[in-house]
């Protein structure tokens, strides 16, 4: 699971936006980007009936600042 959903920078983070693109999610254009320090991305491969799927998650980040539920608070902005 991606740790970003509980991070203060979730809405401005360039790395999180990249992960969302890998999941092919539609997202808002963000003018100001935050570039985190030393992120660790985990990519899991799943083989489902002759189709390989990738699951991307950020599992470690030195810029992480805990703010539980912040992604939900700002979802409608």
PDB file of N, CA and C in Angstrom:
ATOM      1  N   UNK A   1       0.844  -1.179   0.000  1.00  0.00           N
ATOM      2  CA  UNK A   1       0.000   0.000   0.000  1.00  0.00           C
ATOM      3  C   UNK A   1       0.890   1.243   0.000  1.00  0.00           C
ATOM      4  N   UNK A   2       0.483   2.214  -0.759  1.00  0.00           N
ATOM      5  CA  UNK A   2       1.233   3.460  -0.878  1.00  0.00           C
ATOM      6  C   UNK A   2       1.094   4.297   0.401  1.00  0.00           C
ATOM      7  N   UNK A   3       2.210   4.718   0.962  1.00  0.00           N
ATOM      8  CA  UNK A   3       2.184   5.509   2.192  1.00  0.00           C
ATOM      9  C   UNK A   3       1.698   6.931   1.955  1.00  0.00           C
ATOM     10  N   UNK A   4       1.628   7.344   0.722  1.00  0.00           N
ATOM     11  CA  UNK A   4       1.338   8.738   0.372  1.00  0.00           C
ATOM     12  C   UNK A   4      -0.031   9.223   0.826  1.00  0.00           C
ATOM     13  N   UNK A   5      -0.987   8.332   0.959  1.00  0.00           N
ATOM     14  CA  UNK A   5      -2.322   8.784   1.330  1.00  0.00           C
ATOM     15  C   UNK A   5      -2.345   9.423   2.714  1.00  0.00           C
ATOM     16  N   UNK A   6      -1.334   9.161   3.526  1.00  0.00           N
ATOM     17  CA  UNK A   6      -1.248   9.765   4.854  1.00  0.00           C
ATOM     18  C   UNK A   6      -0.125  10.785   4.956  1.00  0.00           C
ATOM     19  N   UNK A   7       0.240  11.400   3.833  1.00  0.00           N
ATOM     20  CA  UNK A   7       1.339  12.369   3.826  1.00  0.00           C
ATOM     21  C   UNK A   7       0.819  13.776   3.552  1.00  0.00           C
ATOM     22  N   UNK A   8       1.413  14.744   4.196  1.00  0.00           N
ATOM     23  CA  UNK A   8       1.069  16.150   4.015  1.00  0.00           C
ATOM     24  C   UNK A   8       1.268  16.611   2.580  1.00  0.00           C
ATOM     25  N   UNK A   9       2.197  16.002   1.854  1.00  0.00           N
ATOM     26  CA  UNK A   9       2.534  16.442   0.497  1.00  0.00           C
ATOM     27  C   UNK A   9       1.800  15.686  -0.611  1.00  0.00           C
ATOM     28  N   UNK A  10       0.840  14.854  -0.283  1.00  0.00           N
ATOM     29  CA  UNK A  10       0.210  13.967  -1.258  1.00  0.00           C
ATOM     30  C   UNK A  10      -0.331  14.697  -2.487  1.00  0.00           C
ATOM     31  N   UNK A  11      -0.848  15.894  -2.344  1.00  0.00           N
ATOM     32  CA  UNK A  11      -1.473  16.600  -3.465  1.00  0.00           C
ATOM     33  C   UNK A  11      -0.487  17.371  -4.332  1.00  0.00           C
ATOM     34  N   UNK A  12       0.736  17.555  -3.847  1.00  0.00           N
ATOM     35  CA  UNK A  12       1.737  18.315  -4.588  1.00  0.00           C
ATOM     36  C   UNK A  12       2.965  17.500  -4.966  1.00  0.00           C
ATOM     37  N   UNK A  13       2.992  16.252  -4.623  1.00  0.00           N
ATOM     38  CA  UNK A  13       4.186  15.420  -4.776  1.00  0.00           C
ATOM     39  C   UNK A  13       4.353  14.921  -6.216  1.00  0.00           C
ATOM     40  N   UNK A  14       5.482  15.218  -6.792  1.00  0.00           N
ATOM     41  CA  UNK A  14       5.753  14.791  -8.176  1.00  0.00           C
ATOM     42  C   UNK A  14       5.869  13.268  -8.284  1.00  0.00           C
ATOM     43  N   UNK A  15       6.428  12.628  -7.286  1.00  0.00           N
ATOM     44  CA  UNK A  15       6.575  11.173  -7.330  1.00  0.00           C
ATOM     45  C   UNK A  15       5.218  10.490  -7.213  1.00  0.00           C
ATOM     46  N   UNK A  16       4.354  10.998  -6.355  1.00  0.00           N
ATOM     47  CA  UNK A  16       3.014  10.423  -6.228  1.00  0.00           C
ATOM     48  C   UNK A  16       2.228  10.604  -7.529  1.00  0.00           C
ATOM     49  N   UNK A  17       2.392  11.742  -8.182  1.00  0.00           N
ATOM     50  CA  UNK A  17       1.725  11.963  -9.462  1.00  0.00           C
ATOM     51  C   UNK A  17       2.220  10.946 -10.503  1.00  0.00           C
ATOM     52  N   UNK A  18       3.505  10.658 -10.469  1.00  0.00           N
ATOM     53  CA  UNK A  18       4.067   9.641 -11.368  1.00  0.00           C
ATOM     54  C   UNK A  18       3.432   8.272 -11.099  1.00  0.00           C
ATOM     55  N   UNK A  19       3.289   7.907  -9.836  1.00  0.00           N
ATOM     56  CA  UNK A  19       2.679   6.627  -9.471  1.00  0.00           C
ATOM     57  C   UNK A  19       1.231   6.579  -9.963  1.00  0.00           C
ATOM     58  N   UNK A  20       0.505   7.675  -9.811  1.00  0.00           N
ATOM     59  CA  UNK A  20      -0.871   7.720 -10.303  1.00  0.00           C
ATOM     60  C   UNK A  20      -0.912   7.516 -11.815  1.00  0.00           C
ATOM     61  N   UNK A  21       0.042   8.073 -12.529  1.00  0.00           N
ATOM     62  CA  UNK A  21       0.104   7.875 -13.975  1.00  0.00           C
ATOM     63  C   UNK A  21       0.354   6.409 -14.309  1.00  0.00           C
ATOM     64  N   UNK A  22       1.184   5.741 -13.524  1.00  0.00           N
ATOM     65  CA  UNK A  22       1.453   4.326 -13.756  1.00  0.00           C
ATOM     66  C   UNK A  22       0.194   3.489 -13.543  1.00  0.00           C
ATOM     67  N   UNK A  23      -0.667   3.937 -12.658  1.00  0.00           N
ATOM     68  CA  UNK A  23      -1.953   3.270 -12.433  1.00  0.00           C
ATOM     69  C   UNK A  23      -2.992   3.736 -13.448  1.00  0.00           C
ATOM     70  N   UNK A  24      -2.603   4.620 -14.331  1.00  0.00           N
ATOM     71  CA  UNK A  24      -3.449   5.185 -15.375  1.00  0.00           C
ATOM     72  C   UNK A  24      -4.678   5.872 -14.808  1.00  0.00           C
ATOM     73  N   UNK A  25      -4.479   6.593 -13.711  1.00  0.00           N
ATOM     74  CA  UNK A  25      -5.557   7.351 -13.104  1.00  0.00           C
ATOM     75  C   UNK A  25      -5.563   8.767 -13.683  1.00  0.00           C
ATOM     76  N   UNK A  26      -6.732   9.308 -13.825  1.00  0.00           N
ATOM     77  CA  UNK A  26      -6.858  10.694 -14.262  1.00  0.00           C
ATOM     78  C   UNK A  26      -6.625  11.571 -13.041  1.00  0.00           C
ATOM     79  N   UNK A  27      -5.861  12.629 -13.216  1.00  0.00           N
ATOM     80  CA  UNK A  27      -5.583  13.515 -12.102  1.00  0.00           C
ATOM     81  C   UNK A  27      -5.571  14.969 -12.550  1.00  0.00           C
ATOM     82  N   UNK A  28      -5.692  15.853 -11.567  1.00  0.00           N
ATOM     83  CA  UNK A  28      -5.657  17.284 -11.837  1.00  0.00           C
ATOM     84  C   UNK A  28      -4.248  17.710 -12.210  1.00  0.00           C
ATOM     85  N   UNK A  29      -4.160  18.769 -12.991  1.00  0.00           N
ATOM     86  CA  UNK A  29      -2.860  19.343 -13.304  1.00  0.00           C
ATOM     87  C   UNK A  29      -2.429  20.165 -12.100  1.00  0.00           C
ATOM     88  N   UNK A  30      -1.244  19.892 -11.620  1.00  0.00           N
ATOM     89  CA  UNK A  30      -0.730  20.602 -10.453  1.00  0.00           C
ATOM     90  C   UNK A  30       0.376  21.538 -10.902  1.00  0.00           C
ATOM     91  N   UNK A  31       0.223  22.816 -10.594  1.00  0.00           N
ATOM     92  CA  UNK A  31       1.203  23.814 -11.009  1.00  0.00           C
ATOM     93  C   UNK A  31       2.467  23.706 -10.166  1.00  0.00           C
ATOM     94  N   UNK A  32       2.300  23.693  -8.874  1.00  0.00           N
ATOM     95  CA  UNK A  32       3.428  23.618  -7.960  1.00  0.00           C
ATOM     96  C   UNK A  32       3.683  22.160  -7.586  1.00  0.00           C
ATOM     97  N   UNK A  33       4.883  21.691  -7.794  1.00  0.00           N
ATOM     98  CA  UNK A  33       5.212  20.304  -7.462  1.00  0.00           C
ATOM     99  C   UNK A  33       6.247  20.276  -6.336  1.00  0.00           C
ATOM    100  N   UNK A  34       6.084  19.286  -5.490  1.00  0.00           N
ATOM    101  CA  UNK A  34       7.042  19.016  -4.431  1.00  0.00           C
ATOM    102  C   UNK A  34       7.854  17.809  -4.859  1.00  0.00           C
ATOM    103  N   UNK A  35       9.164  17.903  -4.816  1.00  0.00           N
ATOM    104  CA  UNK A  35      10.043  16.795  -5.172  1.00  0.00           C
ATOM    105  C   UNK A  35      10.599  16.161  -3.900  1.00  0.00           C
ATOM    106  N   UNK A  36      10.105  14.994  -3.547  1.00  0.00           N
ATOM    107  CA  UNK A  36      10.526  14.350  -2.303  1.00  0.00           C
ATOM    108  C   UNK A  36      11.950  13.811  -2.379  1.00  0.00           C
ATOM    109  N   UNK A  37      12.467  13.513  -1.211  1.00  0.00           N
ATOM    110  CA  UNK A  37      13.838  13.015  -1.080  1.00  0.00           C
ATOM    111  C   UNK A  37      13.807  11.510  -0.821  1.00  0.00           C
ATOM    112  N   UNK A  38      14.627  10.791  -1.569  1.00  0.00           N
ATOM    113  CA  UNK A  38      14.855   9.350  -1.356  1.00  0.00           C
ATOM    114  C   UNK A  38      13.583   8.528  -1.193  1.00  0.00           C
ATOM    115  N   UNK A  39      12.802   8.471  -2.244  1.00  0.00           N
ATOM    116  CA  UNK A  39      11.616   7.620  -2.216  1.00  0.00           C
ATOM    117  C   UNK A  39      11.990   6.202  -2.661  1.00  0.00           C
ATOM    118  N   UNK A  40      11.290   5.249  -2.107  1.00  0.00           N
ATOM    119  CA  UNK A  40      11.459   3.849  -2.502  1.00  0.00           C
ATOM    120  C   UNK A  40      10.124   3.394  -3.087  1.00  0.00           C
ATOM    121  N   UNK A  41      10.169   2.967  -4.343  1.00  0.00           N
ATOM    122  CA  UNK A  41       8.980   2.522  -5.042  1.00  0.00           C
ATOM    123  C   UNK A  41       9.013   1.005  -5.161  1.00  0.00           C
ATOM    124  N   UNK A  42       7.920   0.388  -4.781  1.00  0.00           N
ATOM    125  CA  UNK A  42       7.776  -1.057  -4.860  1.00  0.00           C
ATOM    126  C   UNK A  42       6.834  -1.370  -6.030  1.00  0.00           C
ATOM    127  N   UNK A  43       7.271  -2.221  -6.940  1.00  0.00           N
ATOM    128  CA  UNK A  43       6.441  -2.622  -8.072  1.00  0.00           C
ATOM    129  C   UNK A  43       6.214  -4.126  -7.983  1.00  0.00           C
ATOM    130  N   UNK A  44       4.951  -4.511  -7.839  1.00  0.00           N
ATOM    131  CA  UNK A  44       4.586  -5.920  -7.787  1.00  0.00           C
ATOM    132  C   UNK A  44       4.061  -6.354  -9.144  1.00  0.00           C
ATOM    133  N   UNK A  45       4.468  -7.520  -9.556  1.00  0.00           N
ATOM    134  CA  UNK A  45       4.005  -8.098 -10.819  1.00  0.00           C
ATOM    135  C   UNK A  45       3.000  -9.194 -10.522  1.00  0.00           C
ATOM    136  N   UNK A  46       1.863  -9.138 -11.212  1.00  0.00           N
ATOM    137  CA  UNK A  46       0.834 -10.149 -11.057  1.00  0.00           C
ATOM    138  C   UNK A  46       0.542 -10.763 -12.422  1.00  0.00           C
ATOM    139  N   UNK A  47       0.567 -12.053 -12.493  1.00  0.00           N
ATOM    140  CA  UNK A  47       0.278 -12.773 -13.732  1.00  0.00           C
ATOM    141  C   UNK A  47      -1.139 -13.327 -13.626  1.00  0.00           C
ATOM    142  N   UNK A  48      -2.059 -12.676 -14.327  1.00  0.00           N
ATOM    143  CA  UNK A  48      -3.462 -13.079 -14.290  1.00  0.00           C
ATOM    144  C   UNK A  48      -3.905 -13.561 -15.661  1.00  0.00           C
ATOM    145  N   UNK A  49      -3.984 -14.850 -15.821  1.00  0.00           N
ATOM    146  CA  UNK A  49      -4.496 -15.435 -17.068  1.00  0.00           C
ATOM    147  C   UNK A  49      -3.832 -14.845 -18.310  1.00  0.00           C
ATOM    148  N   UNK A  50      -2.554 -15.061 -18.411  1.00  0.00           N
ATOM    149  CA  UNK A  50      -1.751 -14.632 -19.565  1.00  0.00           C
ATOM    150  C   UNK A  50      -1.632 -13.119 -19.701  1.00  0.00           C
ATOM    151  N   UNK A  51      -1.944 -12.406 -18.663  1.00  0.00           N
ATOM    152  CA  UNK A  51      -1.815 -10.946 -18.671  1.00  0.00           C
ATOM    153  C   UNK A  51      -1.032 -10.536 -17.431  1.00  0.00           C
ATOM    154  N   UNK A  52       0.011  -9.757 -17.636  1.00  0.00           N
ATOM    155  CA  UNK A  52       0.822  -9.294 -16.517  1.00  0.00           C
ATOM    156  C   UNK A  52       0.333  -7.911 -16.095  1.00  0.00           C
ATOM    157  N   UNK A  53       0.094  -7.747 -14.809  1.00  0.00           N
ATOM    158  CA  UNK A  53      -0.315  -6.463 -14.262  1.00  0.00           C
ATOM    159  C   UNK A  53       0.741  -5.969 -13.293  1.00  0.00           C
ATOM    160  N   UNK A  54       0.924  -4.662 -13.269  1.00  0.00           N
ATOM    161  CA  UNK A  54       1.873  -4.039 -12.356  1.00  0.00           C
ATOM    162  C   UNK A  54       1.120  -3.243 -11.303  1.00  0.00           C
ATOM    163  N   UNK A  55       1.569  -3.338 -10.067  1.00  0.00           N
ATOM    164  CA  UNK A  55       1.005  -2.543  -8.980  1.00  0.00           C
ATOM    165  C   UNK A  55       2.127  -1.711  -8.380  1.00  0.00           C
ATOM    166  N   UNK A  56       2.026  -0.391  -8.489  1.00  0.00           N
ATOM    167  CA  UNK A  56       3.062   0.540  -8.062  1.00  0.00           C
ATOM    168  C   UNK A  56       2.690   1.147  -6.708  1.00  0.00           C
ATOM    169  N   UNK A  57       3.647   1.176  -5.772  1.00  0.00           N
ATOM    170  CA  UNK A  57       3.429   1.792  -4.465  1.00  0.00           C
ATOM    171  C   UNK A  57       4.712   2.455  -3.983  1.00  0.00           C
ATOM    172  N   UNK A  58       4.563   3.594  -3.331  1.00  0.00           N
ATOM    173  CA  UNK A  58       5.695   4.224  -2.650  1.00  0.00           C
ATOM    174  C   UNK A  58       5.673   3.692  -1.223  1.00  0.00           C
ATOM    175  N   UNK A  59       6.749   3.034  -0.823  1.00  0.00           N
ATOM    176  CA  UNK A  59       6.780   2.379   0.479  1.00  0.00           C
ATOM    177  C   UNK A  59       7.690   3.082   1.480  1.00  0.00           C
ATOM    178  N   UNK A  60       8.519   4.002   0.979  1.00  0.00           N
ATOM    179  CA  UNK A  60       9.410   4.739   1.873  1.00  0.00           C
ATOM    180  C   UNK A  60       9.741   6.082   1.248  1.00  0.00           C
ATOM    181  N   UNK A  61       9.831   7.112   2.088  1.00  0.00           N
ATOM    182  CA  UNK A  61      10.136   8.454   1.602  1.00  0.00           C
ATOM    183  C   UNK A  61      10.665   9.286   2.768  1.00  0.00           C
ATOM    184  N   UNK A  62      11.837   9.874   2.601  1.00  0.00           N
ATOM    185  CA  UNK A  62      12.404  10.688   3.677  1.00  0.00           C
ATOM    186  C   UNK A  62      11.661  12.006   3.866  1.00  0.00           C
ATOM    187  N   UNK A  63      10.870  12.415   2.895  1.00  0.00           N
ATOM    188  CA  UNK A  63      10.110  13.657   3.005  1.00  0.00           C
ATOM    189  C   UNK A  63       8.732  13.455   3.626  1.00  0.00           C
ATOM    190  N   UNK A  64       8.381  12.226   3.944  1.00  0.00           N
ATOM    191  CA  UNK A  64       7.064  11.906   4.477  1.00  0.00           C
ATOM    192  C   UNK A  64       6.803  12.659   5.778  1.00  0.00           C
ATOM    193  N   UNK A  65       5.657  13.363   5.827  1.00  0.00           N
ATOM    194  CA  UNK A  65       5.176  13.999   7.061  1.00  0.00           C
ATOM    195  C   UNK A  65       3.766  13.465   7.289  1.00  0.00           C
ATOM    196  N   UNK A  66       3.580  12.784   8.394  1.00  0.00           N
ATOM    197  CA  UNK A  66       2.328  12.099   8.689  1.00  0.00           C
ATOM    198  C   UNK A  66       1.169  13.085   8.891  1.00  0.00           C
ATOM    199  N   UNK A  67       0.148  12.919   8.087  1.00  0.00           N
ATOM    200  CA  UNK A  67      -1.104  13.669   8.228  1.00  0.00           C
ATOM    201  C   UNK A  67      -2.225  12.728   7.776  1.00  0.00           C
ATOM    202  N   UNK A  68      -2.629  11.804   8.654  1.00  0.00           N
ATOM    203  CA  UNK A  68      -3.609  10.788   8.297  1.00  0.00           C
ATOM    204  C   UNK A  68      -4.899  11.383   7.720  1.00  0.00           C
ATOM    205  N   UNK A  69      -5.340  10.807   6.614  1.00  0.00           N
ATOM    206  CA  UNK A  69      -6.585  11.211   5.982  1.00  0.00           C
ATOM    207  C   UNK A  69      -6.526  12.487   5.169  1.00  0.00           C
ATOM    208  N   UNK A  70      -5.345  13.098   5.014  1.00  0.00           N
ATOM    209  CA  UNK A  70      -5.238  14.360   4.291  1.00  0.00           C
ATOM    210  C   UNK A  70      -5.676  14.230   2.837  1.00  0.00           C
ATOM    211  N   UNK A  71      -5.417  13.115   2.192  1.00  0.00           N
ATOM    212  CA  UNK A  71      -5.819  12.916   0.804  1.00  0.00           C
ATOM    213  C   UNK A  71      -7.331  13.038   0.652  1.00  0.00           C
ATOM    214  N   UNK A  72      -8.074  12.596   1.652  1.00  0.00           N
ATOM    215  CA  UNK A  72      -9.538  12.637   1.614  1.00  0.00           C
ATOM    216  C   UNK A  72     -10.057  14.054   1.862  1.00  0.00           C
ATOM    217  N   UNK A  73      -9.409  14.788   2.768  1.00  0.00           N
ATOM    218  CA  UNK A  73      -9.815  16.157   3.095  1.00  0.00           C
ATOM    219  C   UNK A  73      -9.737  17.062   1.872  1.00  0.00           C
ATOM    220  N   UNK A  74      -8.737  16.880   1.049  1.00  0.00           N
ATOM    221  CA  UNK A  74      -8.487  17.758  -0.084  1.00  0.00           C
ATOM    222  C   UNK A  74      -9.027  17.216  -1.406  1.00  0.00           C
ATOM    223  N   UNK A  75      -9.698  16.072  -1.367  1.00  0.00           N
ATOM    224  CA  UNK A  75     -10.130  15.377  -2.574  1.00  0.00           C
ATOM    225  C   UNK A  75     -11.002  16.233  -3.483  1.00  0.00           C
ATOM    226  N   UNK A  76     -11.842  17.067  -2.949  1.00  0.00           N
ATOM    227  CA  UNK A  76     -12.790  17.830  -3.745  1.00  0.00           C
ATOM    228  C   UNK A  76     -12.322  19.237  -4.089  1.00  0.00           C
ATOM    229  N   UNK A  77     -11.093  19.560  -3.805  1.00  0.00           N
ATOM    230  CA  UNK A  77     -10.583  20.903  -4.140  1.00  0.00           C
ATOM    231  C   UNK A  77     -10.222  21.001  -5.601  1.00  0.00           C
TER     232      UNK A  77
END
